[in-house]
Amino acid sequence: MSLSLSQLNALSPADATSKFLTCCTSSRWASLLADARPFEDVDALMSASDAAWGQAQTEEANLLEAFDGHPQIGNVDSLKEKYRNTQDSAAHEQSGANNADDAVIEALAQGNQDYLDKFGFIFIVYATGKSAQEMLDLLLARLPNDRETELGNAAAEQNKITRLRLQKMLSDA
């Protein structure tokens, strides 16, 4: 359900935190953002979100909590079902995988499992506008990285995803 910025500003701290958790599942980020209200405009919200994410990502546990809120790119069943069971805010984020051939889907599944095995968290990518092949290419390019590099890469991608979800959440954005 979308809401206006004034409605968001008027929510109780608990309700605002709950609403923000639909955009990013880091409880630290959501709490920081709820505490930063009221927002003058959408730009102020986005700036506050970036600042809160900057604070939240100083602890790996906050990053992993945020990453856990994502469907796994390359999960064959999820991709074939077009992520129908994810939150509304994630509905079209991975739509580029919807028309992929089975070989690419299988390669995404294997690549993401390899990534998960190596780094301990799923591959996070801002998938909006990317084809399944592009996501696979990005995954394979990032797989040789070390864990610290990938935590940084995934954190940057998470922030892009979060910003998109915040915009979708607001009816006046």
Protein backbone atom coordinates (compact mmCIF):
# COMPACT_ATOMS: atom_id res chain seq x y z
CA MET A 1 0.00 0.00 0.00
CA SER A 2 1.42 3.35 -0.97
CA LEU A 3 1.12 6.38 1.22
CA SER A 4 1.93 10.05 1.02
CA LEU A 5 4.99 11.57 2.62
CA SER A 6 2.77 13.38 5.13
CA GLN A 7 1.13 10.06 6.06
CA LEU A 8 4.57 8.48 6.47
CA ASN A 9 5.66 11.37 8.69
CA ALA A 10 2.52 10.97 10.84
CA LEU A 11 2.98 7.25 11.56
CA SER A 12 3.99 6.15 15.02
CA PRO A 13 7.66 5.20 15.32
CA ALA A 14 6.73 1.51 15.43
CA ASP A 15 4.46 1.77 12.39
CA ALA A 16 7.06 3.77 10.46
CA THR A 17 9.73 1.21 11.30
CA SER A 18 7.41 -1.57 10.16
CA LYS A 19 6.71 0.25 6.90
CA PHE A 20 10.43 0.83 6.28
CA LEU A 21 11.13 -2.85 6.90
CA THR A 22 9.09 -3.62 3.75
CA CYS A 23 11.78 -1.70 1.83
CA CYS A 24 14.84 -3.08 3.60
CA THR A 25 14.90 -5.74 6.30
CA SER A 26 17.75 -4.21 8.29
CA SER A 27 16.10 -3.34 11.60
CA ARG A 28 18.90 -0.86 12.36
CA TRP A 29 18.34 1.02 9.08
CA ALA A 30 14.55 1.03 9.55
CA SER A 31 14.83 2.32 13.10
CA LEU A 32 17.31 5.04 12.15
CA LEU A 33 15.08 6.15 9.30
CA ALA A 34 11.94 6.17 11.45
CA ASP A 35 13.78 8.33 13.98
CA ALA A 36 14.89 10.76 11.23
CA ARG A 37 11.31 11.81 10.45
CA PRO A 38 9.66 14.12 9.56
CA PHE A 39 10.92 14.45 6.01
CA GLU A 40 10.40 17.71 4.17
CA ASP A 41 10.31 16.04 0.77
CA VAL A 42 11.28 12.85 -1.05
CA ASP A 43 14.86 14.07 -1.53
CA ALA A 44 15.17 14.50 2.24
CA LEU A 45 13.84 10.97 2.73
CA MET A 46 16.37 9.59 0.25
CA SER A 47 19.23 11.50 1.89
CA ALA A 48 18.16 10.24 5.31
CA SER A 49 17.92 6.71 3.94
CA ASP A 50 21.43 6.92 2.51
CA ALA A 51 22.75 8.26 5.83
CA ALA A 52 20.94 5.56 7.82
CA TRP A 53 22.27 2.88 5.49
CA GLY A 54 25.77 4.31 5.91
CA GLN A 55 25.42 3.91 9.67
CA ALA A 56 23.73 0.52 9.51
CA GLN A 57 26.30 -1.03 7.21
CA THR A 58 29.13 -0.43 9.67
CA GLU A 59 28.12 -3.73 11.27
CA GLU A 60 28.09 -6.87 9.17
CA ALA A 61 25.06 -8.24 11.04
CA ASN A 62 22.96 -5.34 9.70
CA LEU A 63 24.07 -6.08 6.15
CA LEU A 64 23.28 -9.76 6.45
CA GLU A 65 19.88 -8.96 7.97
CA ALA A 66 19.11 -6.77 4.94
CA PHE A 67 20.36 -9.38 2.48
CA ASP A 68 18.19 -12.06 4.10
CA GLY A 69 15.11 -10.13 3.01
CA HIS A 70 15.68 -10.90 -0.67
CA PRO A 71 14.56 -13.79 -2.81
CA GLN A 72 17.50 -15.69 -4.18
CA ILE A 73 18.29 -14.73 -7.77
CA GLY A 74 18.73 -17.99 -9.58
CA ASN A 75 16.27 -19.96 -7.49
CA VAL A 76 14.73 -21.88 -10.36
CA ASP A 77 11.25 -22.21 -8.88
CA SER A 78 11.15 -18.57 -7.86
CA LEU A 79 12.33 -17.34 -11.24
CA LYS A 80 9.86 -19.48 -13.12
CA GLU A 81 7.06 -18.23 -10.89
CA LYS A 82 8.20 -14.63 -11.48
CA TYR A 83 8.64 -14.06 -7.76
CA ARG A 84 4.87 -14.07 -7.20
CA ASN A 85 5.40 -14.81 -3.53
CA THR A 86 7.69 -11.88 -2.74
CA GLN A 87 6.64 -8.57 -1.28
CA ASP A 88 4.82 -6.17 -3.57
CA SER A 89 7.85 -3.90 -3.49
CA ALA A 90 9.96 -6.60 -5.13
CA ALA A 91 7.39 -7.52 -7.76
CA HIS A 92 9.21 -6.30 -10.86
CA GLU A 93 12.78 -6.07 -9.64
CA GLN A 94 13.80 -9.36 -11.21
CA SER A 95 11.44 -9.36 -14.16
CA GLY A 96 14.40 -9.60 -16.53
CA ALA A 97 14.73 -13.22 -15.48
CA ASN A 98 11.14 -14.04 -16.38
CA ASN A 99 11.81 -14.75 -20.05
CA ALA A 100 15.22 -16.39 -19.63
CA ASP A 101 15.85 -19.76 -21.13
CA ASP A 102 16.31 -22.73 -18.84
CA ALA A 103 20.09 -22.85 -19.35
CA VAL A 104 20.52 -19.30 -18.07
CA ILE A 105 18.17 -19.97 -15.15
CA GLU A 106 20.10 -23.11 -14.25
CA ALA A 107 23.40 -21.20 -14.51
CA LEU A 108 21.99 -18.47 -12.23
CA ALA A 109 20.92 -21.12 -9.73
CA GLN A 110 24.36 -22.74 -9.76
CA GLY A 111 26.20 -19.42 -9.69
CA ASN A 112 24.16 -18.16 -6.77
CA GLN A 113 24.74 -21.38 -4.86
CA ASP A 114 28.48 -21.02 -5.51
CA TYR A 115 28.28 -17.41 -4.35
CA LEU A 116 26.34 -18.36 -1.21
CA ASP A 117 28.82 -21.14 -0.43
CA LYS A 118 31.78 -18.79 -0.85
CA PHE A 119 30.49 -15.64 0.87
CA GLY A 120 27.79 -16.87 3.25
CA PHE A 121 25.04 -14.65 1.81
CA ILE A 122 23.07 -14.56 -1.41
CA PHE A 123 24.07 -12.57 -4.46
CA ILE A 124 22.53 -9.09 -4.20
CA VAL A 125 22.14 -7.06 -7.36
CA TYR A 126 19.92 -4.18 -8.45
CA ALA A 127 18.12 -6.30 -11.01
CA THR A 128 15.65 -3.74 -12.35
CA GLY A 129 16.11 -3.45 -16.09
CA LYS A 130 18.65 -6.27 -16.27
CA SER A 131 18.15 -9.45 -18.25
CA ALA A 132 18.84 -12.82 -16.69
CA GLN A 133 22.00 -13.04 -18.80
CA GLU A 134 23.18 -9.65 -17.50
CA MET A 135 22.55 -10.78 -13.91
CA LEU A 136 24.45 -13.99 -14.59
CA ASP A 137 27.36 -12.04 -16.10
CA LEU A 138 27.47 -9.76 -13.05
CA LEU A 139 27.34 -12.73 -10.70
CA LEU A 140 30.19 -14.48 -12.50
CA ALA A 141 32.24 -11.26 -12.56
CA ARG A 142 31.82 -10.78 -8.80
CA LEU A 143 32.35 -14.41 -7.79
CA PRO A 144 36.19 -14.19 -7.80
CA ASN A 145 36.12 -11.26 -5.32
CA ASP A 146 37.01 -11.60 -1.66
CA ARG A 147 34.29 -11.46 1.00
CA GLU A 148 35.04 -7.90 2.11
CA THR A 149 34.75 -6.65 -1.46
CA GLU A 150 31.48 -8.50 -1.92
CA LEU A 151 30.01 -7.16 1.31
CA GLY A 152 30.71 -3.69 -0.09
CA ASN A 153 29.30 -4.52 -3.51
CA ALA A 154 26.18 -6.11 -2.04
CA ALA A 155 25.71 -3.16 0.35
CA ALA A 156 25.83 -0.70 -2.57
CA GLU A 157 23.33 -2.80 -4.54
CA GLN A 158 21.10 -3.08 -1.46
CA ASN A 159 21.01 0.70 -1.17
CA LYS A 160 19.90 1.05 -4.81
CA ILE A 161 17.14 -1.51 -4.24
CA THR A 162 16.05 0.20 -1.04
CA ARG A 163 15.84 3.60 -2.74
CA LEU A 164 13.64 2.12 -5.48
CA ARG A 165 11.37 0.49 -2.91
CA LEU A 166 11.05 3.73 -0.95
CA GLN A 167 9.98 5.52 -4.12
CA LYS A 168 7.43 2.81 -4.86
CA MET A 169 6.10 3.04 -1.30
CA LEU A 170 5.26 6.72 -1.62
CA SER A 171 2.23 7.70 -3.61
CA ASP A 172 3.56 11.23 -4.13
CA ALA A 173 7.10 10.27 -5.11
